[in-house]
């Protein structure tokens, strides 16, 4: 994972985990990374298309927690927050 996400930059209380944040579009991945940077975070892995077909990028927040921002084209989000997963078509 370090090759994709970068090394951990720990704060005093940061756990060695990666938190995930799913978004509804590829463009939103970059937008969230930009907002994280503006809020004092550090991008540790730019938004890129992944082998599994989605787009993701990573940042470390000011407290040292690492986040993956991901758009999975197989996920859809309903207005009530329900998530539906559709496996990729072969």
Protein backbone atom coordinates (compact mmCIF):
# COMPACT_ATOMS: atom_id res chain seq x y z
CA UNK A 1 0.00 0.00 0.00
CA UNK A 2 2.89 2.41 0.62
CA UNK A 3 3.67 2.46 -3.11
CA UNK A 4 0.12 3.64 -3.82
CA UNK A 5 -0.59 5.78 -0.76
CA UNK A 6 2.77 6.98 0.52
CA UNK A 7 4.38 6.44 3.89
CA UNK A 8 2.56 7.18 7.14
CA UNK A 9 3.18 10.59 8.67
CA UNK A 10 2.13 10.08 12.26
CA UNK A 11 0.89 12.68 14.65
CA UNK A 12 0.95 12.10 18.39
CA UNK A 13 -2.29 10.11 18.35
CA UNK A 14 -2.52 8.84 14.77
CA UNK A 15 -3.21 5.14 14.37
CA UNK A 16 -1.46 3.23 11.56
CA UNK A 17 -4.65 2.81 9.54
CA UNK A 18 -6.11 4.23 6.35
CA UNK A 19 -9.62 5.67 6.48
CA UNK A 20 -11.79 5.55 3.37
CA UNK A 21 -14.07 8.21 1.92
CA UNK A 22 -16.21 7.17 -1.06
CA UNK A 23 -17.38 9.83 -3.50
CA UNK A 24 -19.82 9.72 -6.39
CA UNK A 25 -17.56 10.81 -9.28
CA UNK A 26 -13.97 10.74 -10.48
CA UNK A 27 -13.79 14.55 -10.44
CA UNK A 28 -14.87 14.57 -6.81
CA UNK A 29 -11.75 12.57 -5.85
CA UNK A 30 -9.55 15.45 -7.00
CA UNK A 31 -11.88 18.03 -5.44
CA UNK A 32 -11.69 16.34 -2.02
CA UNK A 33 -7.90 16.08 -2.26
CA UNK A 34 -7.78 19.81 -3.08
CA UNK A 35 -10.02 20.63 -0.09
CA UNK A 36 -7.86 18.46 2.16
CA UNK A 37 -4.75 20.33 1.02
CA UNK A 38 -6.44 23.69 1.62
CA UNK A 39 -7.30 22.53 5.15
CA UNK A 40 -3.68 21.66 5.95
CA UNK A 41 -3.50 18.06 4.73
CA UNK A 42 -0.78 16.60 2.53
CA UNK A 43 -1.52 14.59 -0.61
CA UNK A 44 0.53 11.40 -0.36
CA UNK A 45 -0.84 9.70 -3.48
CA UNK A 46 -2.43 11.65 -6.34
CA UNK A 47 -5.76 10.73 -7.90
CA UNK A 48 -5.10 7.89 -10.33
CA UNK A 49 -7.04 5.22 -12.17
CA UNK A 50 -6.54 1.93 -10.36
CA UNK A 51 -6.28 -1.60 -11.75
CA UNK A 52 -9.76 -2.41 -10.41
CA UNK A 53 -11.35 0.31 -12.59
CA UNK A 54 -11.92 3.13 -10.14
CA UNK A 55 -10.05 6.30 -9.24
CA UNK A 56 -8.50 7.00 -5.86
CA UNK A 57 -6.00 9.24 -4.16
CA UNK A 58 -4.58 9.58 -0.66
CA UNK A 59 -3.90 12.36 1.79
CA UNK A 60 -2.69 12.66 5.36
CA UNK A 61 -4.66 15.03 7.56
CA UNK A 62 -3.01 17.50 9.96
CA UNK A 63 -3.32 14.96 12.80
CA UNK A 64 -1.41 12.35 10.81
CA UNK A 65 -4.32 10.14 9.77
CA UNK A 66 -4.15 8.78 6.22
CA UNK A 67 -7.29 8.86 4.05
CA UNK A 68 -8.14 7.22 0.76
CA UNK A 69 -10.62 9.17 -1.35
CA UNK A 70 -12.16 6.77 -3.84
CA UNK A 71 -14.67 6.64 -6.65
CA UNK A 72 -15.76 3.08 -7.38
CA UNK A 73 -17.86 2.96 -10.56
CA UNK A 74 -19.60 -0.13 -9.16
CA UNK A 75 -21.09 1.80 -6.22
CA UNK A 76 -24.18 3.94 -6.40
CA UNK A 77 -25.53 6.18 -3.66
CA UNK A 78 -29.27 6.70 -3.13
CA UNK A 79 -30.63 9.94 -1.65
CA UNK A 80 -31.34 8.11 1.63
CA UNK A 81 -27.69 7.05 1.91
CA UNK A 82 -28.20 3.48 0.78
CA UNK A 83 -25.23 2.12 -1.13
CA UNK A 84 -25.65 -0.42 -3.92
CA UNK A 85 -22.73 -2.41 -5.29
CA UNK A 86 -22.79 -3.77 -8.83
CA UNK A 87 -19.83 -5.98 -9.75
CA UNK A 88 -17.98 -5.01 -12.95
CA UNK A 89 -19.36 -6.49 -16.15
CA UNK A 90 -17.14 -9.17 -17.70
